[in-house]
Protein backbone atom coordinates (compact mmCIF):
# COMPACT_ATOMS: atom_id res chain seq x y z
CA MET A 1 -14.20 1.14 9.76
CA GLY A 2 -16.94 -1.37 9.12
CA VAL A 3 -17.92 -4.59 7.47
CA LEU A 4 -16.71 -3.53 4.03
CA SER A 5 -13.34 -2.07 4.96
CA ASN A 6 -10.98 -1.47 7.90
CA ARG A 7 -9.14 1.28 6.04
CA ILE A 8 -8.18 4.34 8.08
CA SER A 9 -6.20 7.54 7.61
CA VAL A 10 -2.86 8.25 9.26
CA GLU A 11 -4.57 10.90 11.39
CA ASP A 12 -6.72 8.17 12.99
CA LEU A 13 -3.73 6.15 14.19
CA ARG A 14 -3.14 5.67 17.90
CA SER A 15 -0.12 4.13 19.64
CA GLY A 16 -0.77 0.44 20.21
CA ASP A 17 -2.93 0.01 17.10
CA HIS A 18 -2.61 -3.24 15.15
CA VAL A 19 -2.17 -2.10 11.56
CA TYR A 20 -1.82 -3.95 8.29
CA SER A 21 -1.49 -3.40 4.57
CA TRP A 22 -2.45 -5.67 1.68
CA ARG A 23 0.23 -7.08 -0.61
CA ILE A 24 0.17 -8.25 -4.23
CA ALA A 25 -3.39 -7.55 -5.36
CA TYR A 26 -4.94 -8.30 -1.95
CA THR A 27 -3.62 -11.86 -1.82
CA TYR A 28 -2.05 -11.40 1.62
CA SER A 29 -1.52 -8.70 4.23
CA HIS A 30 1.43 -7.67 6.35
CA HIS A 31 0.79 -6.81 10.03
CA GLY A 32 2.50 -4.80 12.75
CA ILE A 33 2.01 -2.65 15.85
CA TYR A 34 2.04 1.12 15.52
CA VAL A 35 4.14 2.49 18.39
CA GLY A 36 3.85 6.21 17.73
CA ASP A 37 6.29 8.72 16.21
CA ASN A 38 5.52 7.30 12.74
CA LYS A 39 7.08 3.93 13.68
CA VAL A 40 5.82 0.35 13.34
CA ILE A 41 7.22 -2.77 15.02
CA HIS A 42 6.60 -5.87 12.94
CA PHE A 43 7.78 -9.44 12.37
CA THR A 44 9.30 -10.44 9.02
CA ARG A 45 11.11 -13.30 7.36
CA GLY A 46 13.72 -11.09 5.77
CA LYS A 47 15.60 -11.36 2.49
CA ALA A 48 17.64 -14.51 3.14
CA GLU A 49 14.69 -16.68 4.09
CA SER A 50 12.55 -15.19 1.32
CA GLU A 51 15.17 -16.25 -1.24
CA ASN A 52 14.95 -19.80 0.10
CA ASN A 53 11.15 -19.72 -0.29
CA ALA A 54 10.79 -17.94 -3.62
CA LEU A 55 7.73 -19.92 -4.69
CA LEU A 56 5.97 -19.22 -1.41
CA ASP A 57 6.76 -15.52 -1.77
CA LEU A 58 4.69 -15.45 -4.94
CA LEU A 59 1.66 -16.05 -2.71
CA LEU A 60 2.57 -14.75 0.75
CA ILE A 61 4.71 -11.67 1.24
CA SER A 62 5.76 -10.83 4.79
CA SER A 63 8.57 -8.41 4.21
CA GLY A 64 8.11 -4.72 4.88
CA TYR A 65 10.10 -3.83 1.78
CA SER A 66 9.45 -4.84 -1.81
CA LYS A 67 12.17 -5.35 -4.40
CA THR A 68 10.92 -2.32 -6.33
CA THR A 69 10.45 0.14 -3.47
CA LYS A 70 13.46 2.07 -2.21
CA ALA A 71 13.58 2.18 1.58
CA CYS A 72 14.10 5.55 3.22
CA GLU A 73 17.45 6.47 4.70
CA ALA A 74 16.23 5.94 8.26
CA CYS A 75 15.13 2.36 7.56
CA ARG A 76 17.76 1.36 5.01
CA HIS A 77 19.88 -0.54 7.56
CA GLN A 78 16.91 -2.85 8.28
CA GLN A 79 16.27 -3.83 4.66
CA GLY A 80 16.63 -7.59 4.31
CA MET A 81 16.68 -8.23 8.06
CA ASP A 82 14.53 -10.95 9.58
CA GLY A 83 12.80 -11.22 12.95
CA VAL A 84 11.16 -8.37 14.84
CA ILE A 85 12.18 -4.98 13.46
CA CYS A 86 11.08 -1.35 13.69
CA CYS A 87 10.67 0.89 10.65
CA CYS A 88 8.80 3.99 9.60
CA LEU A 89 5.14 3.74 8.63
CA ASP A 90 5.84 4.46 4.96
CA CYS A 91 8.34 1.61 4.66
CA PHE A 92 5.94 -0.71 6.48
CA LEU A 93 3.10 0.15 4.10
CA ASP A 94 5.42 -0.23 1.10
CA GLY A 95 3.11 1.81 -1.10
CA GLY A 96 -0.07 0.13 0.15
CA ALA A 97 -3.06 1.56 2.02
CA LEU A 98 -3.35 1.64 5.81
CA TYR A 99 -5.83 -0.63 7.62
CA ARG A 100 -6.55 -1.26 11.31
CA PHE A 101 -7.28 -4.73 12.68
CA GLU A 102 -10.46 -4.89 14.79
CA TYR A 103 -10.75 -6.52 18.23
CA GLY A 104 -13.68 -7.64 20.33
CA VAL A 105 -16.05 -8.09 17.38
CA ASN A 106 -19.14 -10.27 17.75
CA PRO A 107 -19.47 -13.61 15.89
CA GLY A 108 -21.94 -12.18 13.38
CA PHE A 109 -19.57 -9.36 12.43
CA PHE A 110 -16.66 -11.82 12.26
CA LEU A 111 -18.53 -14.10 9.85
CA ALA A 112 -19.54 -11.10 7.72
CA LYS A 113 -15.86 -10.45 7.07
CA ALA A 114 -15.19 -12.80 4.19
CA ARG A 115 -11.43 -12.38 4.42
CA GLY A 116 -9.32 -13.56 7.32
CA GLY A 117 -6.69 -11.35 8.89
CA THR A 118 -8.98 -8.37 9.52
CA CYS A 119 -10.62 -8.91 12.92
CA THR A 120 -10.95 -11.23 15.93
CA LEU A 121 -13.37 -12.02 18.73
CA ALA A 122 -10.53 -11.56 21.23
CA GLU A 123 -10.41 -8.36 23.27
CA SER A 124 -7.40 -6.06 23.08
CA ASP A 125 -5.38 -5.19 26.16
CA PRO A 126 -4.67 -1.53 27.06
CA PRO A 127 -2.27 0.35 24.72
CA GLU A 128 0.50 0.54 27.32
CA THR A 129 0.48 -3.26 27.66
CA VAL A 130 0.51 -3.68 23.89
CA LEU A 131 3.48 -1.31 23.52
CA HIS A 132 5.35 -3.09 26.31
CA ARG A 133 4.99 -6.45 24.55
CA ALA A 134 6.00 -5.04 21.17
CA THR A 135 9.12 -3.28 22.46
CA TYR A 136 10.09 -6.30 24.59
CA LEU A 137 9.87 -8.58 21.55
CA LEU A 138 11.81 -6.05 19.46
CA GLN A 139 14.68 -6.57 21.90
CA ASN A 140 14.23 -10.30 22.51
CA GLY A 141 12.70 -11.68 19.31
CA PHE A 142 9.62 -13.74 18.48
CA GLY A 143 11.29 -16.91 17.25
CA CYS A 144 11.51 -18.22 13.70
CA TYR A 145 8.99 -17.14 11.10
CA ASN A 146 6.47 -19.78 10.05
CA VAL A 147 3.69 -18.93 7.61
CA PHE A 148 1.11 -21.15 9.26
CA LYS A 149 1.71 -20.74 12.99
CA ASN A 150 4.18 -17.94 13.68
CA ASN A 151 3.81 -15.09 11.23
CA CYS A 152 3.44 -11.32 11.27
CA GLU A 153 -0.25 -11.49 12.13
CA ASP A 154 0.38 -13.90 15.02
CA PHE A 155 2.98 -11.46 16.35
CA ALA A 156 0.62 -8.49 16.22
CA VAL A 157 -2.30 -10.43 17.75
CA TYR A 158 -0.07 -11.64 20.59
CA CYS A 159 1.09 -8.07 21.27
CA LYS A 160 -2.54 -6.93 21.43
CA THR A 161 -3.96 -9.81 23.50
CA GLY A 162 -1.13 -11.79 25.11
CA LEU A 163 -2.85 -14.96 23.85
CA LEU A 164 -0.96 -18.02 22.64
CA VAL A 165 -1.92 -21.57 21.78
CA LEU A 166 0.59 -23.88 23.45
CA ASP A 167 -0.34 -27.22 21.89
CA GLY A 168 1.52 -26.70 18.63
CA LEU A 169 -1.66 -26.30 16.57
CA ASN A 170 -1.92 -22.52 16.41
CA VAL A 171 -2.98 -21.17 13.01
CA GLY A 172 -3.21 -17.46 12.24
CA SER A 173 -6.47 -16.17 10.79
CA GLN A 174 -5.06 -15.60 7.31
CA ALA A 175 -3.68 -19.13 7.20
CA ALA A 176 -6.95 -20.32 8.75
CA SER A 177 -8.81 -18.75 5.84
CA ILE A 178 -6.68 -20.69 3.38
CA LEU A 179 -7.20 -23.94 5.27
CA ALA A 180 -10.90 -23.20 5.63
CA ALA A 181 -11.19 -22.70 1.88
CA VAL A 182 -9.51 -26.06 1.30
CA ALA A 183 -11.84 -27.66 3.84
CA ALA A 184 -14.81 -26.10 2.07
CA VAL A 185 -13.78 -27.69 -1.23
CA PHE A 186 -12.95 -31.11 0.22
CA SER A 187 -15.59 -31.37 2.97
CA SER A 188 -16.13 -35.01 2.01
CA PRO A 189 -19.41 -36.13 3.61
CA LEU A 190 -21.12 -32.78 3.11
CA ARG A 191 -20.37 -32.38 -0.58
CA PHE A 192 -22.51 -35.44 -1.37
CA LEU A 193 -25.62 -34.06 0.39
CA THR A 194 -26.60 -32.05 -2.65
CA THR A 195 -25.85 -31.99 -6.34
CA SER A 196 -27.20 -28.52 -7.10
CA ILE A 197 -24.81 -25.63 -7.59
CA PRO A 198 -26.58 -23.44 -4.97
CA GLY A 199 -26.57 -26.33 -2.50
CA ILE A 200 -22.88 -27.04 -3.00
CA THR A 201 -22.13 -23.32 -2.67
CA ALA A 202 -24.11 -23.10 0.58
CA VAL A 203 -22.35 -26.14 2.07
CA ALA A 204 -18.89 -24.88 1.07
CA GLY A 205 -19.67 -21.40 2.37
CA GLY A 206 -20.86 -22.74 5.70
CA VAL A 207 -17.77 -24.91 6.16
CA TYR A 208 -15.53 -21.97 5.23
CA CYS A 209 -17.14 -19.51 7.65
CA PHE A 210 -17.36 -21.78 10.66
CA SER A 211 -13.86 -23.20 10.12
CA ARG A 212 -12.56 -19.64 10.33
CA LEU A 213 -14.63 -18.95 13.43
CA ALA A 214 -13.44 -22.11 15.18
CA ALA A 215 -9.80 -21.21 14.50
CA ASP A 216 -10.07 -17.63 15.79
CA ILE A 217 -7.82 -16.99 18.80
CA GLY A 218 -10.72 -15.39 20.67
CA ASN A 219 -12.83 -18.53 20.32
CA ARG A 220 -10.25 -21.23 21.10
CA LYS A 221 -10.47 -23.09 24.39
CA ASP A 222 -6.74 -23.87 24.25
CA ALA A 223 -5.69 -20.20 24.08
CA VAL A 224 -4.01 -18.92 27.23
CA LYS A 225 -2.69 -15.57 28.39
CA VAL A 226 1.11 -15.66 28.51
CA PRO A 227 3.26 -12.84 29.98
CA VAL A 228 5.75 -11.58 27.43
CA GLU A 229 8.56 -12.00 29.96
CA SER A 230 7.89 -15.76 29.90
CA LEU A 231 8.78 -16.02 26.24
CA THR A 232 12.28 -17.31 25.60
CA ALA A 233 14.24 -18.24 22.47
CA ARG A 234 12.64 -20.69 20.07
CA LEU A 235 14.42 -23.77 18.81
CA GLY A 236 13.35 -23.67 15.15
CA VAL A 237 10.67 -22.86 12.63
CA ASN A 238 8.43 -25.69 13.80
CA ASP A 239 8.69 -24.93 17.51
CA LEU A 240 6.33 -22.89 19.63
CA PRO A 241 7.73 -20.64 22.34
CA ILE A 242 9.52 -22.45 25.14
CA MET A 243 7.84 -21.26 28.32
CA SER A 244 9.44 -20.92 31.73
CA SER A 245 7.37 -20.44 34.87
CA ILE A 246 4.19 -19.61 32.97
CA SER A 247 1.16 -18.49 34.89
CA ALA A 248 -1.35 -19.10 32.15
CA GLU A 249 -4.82 -17.74 32.65
CA PRO A 250 -7.71 -19.51 30.86
CA VAL A 251 -9.49 -17.35 28.32
CA LEU A 252 -13.21 -16.73 28.61
CA GLN A 253 -14.96 -18.07 25.56
CA VAL A 254 -17.56 -16.20 23.57
CA GLN A 255 -20.98 -17.79 23.90
CA MET A 256 -22.53 -18.59 20.54
């Protein structure tokens, strides 16, 4: 792995890895936790909710199964299901290549990754802790899918780090990239500082990069460590987890 690509081979996989695969010409990626024995636990919207959000599905695909790929016999019963599910690696990849999400990267490396959804400043917990969270959520759920604050990437990052943002403003790094791009285009005071094309490009690029960095879970002061046992059912798509008896530990911030 490196700055240019996080692609790996199946032989390099280890239990507890956060894996992902790009969808629809690299417009979005689907994330999950590899749990060994050729299985991946991941969080998906499922067929019913996808049908209600057909326009959104043209841009963001979260399902582990495409409409053109035939699921294997072992995973067929999960096709169209929503929530946290477990399937084989082939069905998770859905014909795409295998990539591994990177943890504990430095800010320079993070900014060098132009695309969101590939790495984070946050450190990963040990594999056994990651597997415990993933299997617990497979049995108990991870709430309702929300593209901007409760998606497949948020699920995988939580399994790896135990970090959550409890103020209702959590944004996954892929969504953060989209919002950062919008901010780069409409960064009102800054866009008037220069009229040259290189100057405008530099301003937009700076806003984009540092908006992504500020939104990263490993760099947020409001991110706290939450035990998976403290997660209970969620009320709806706009609700964060309801916590009971949380012993939240502040997260050490990376010094810039």
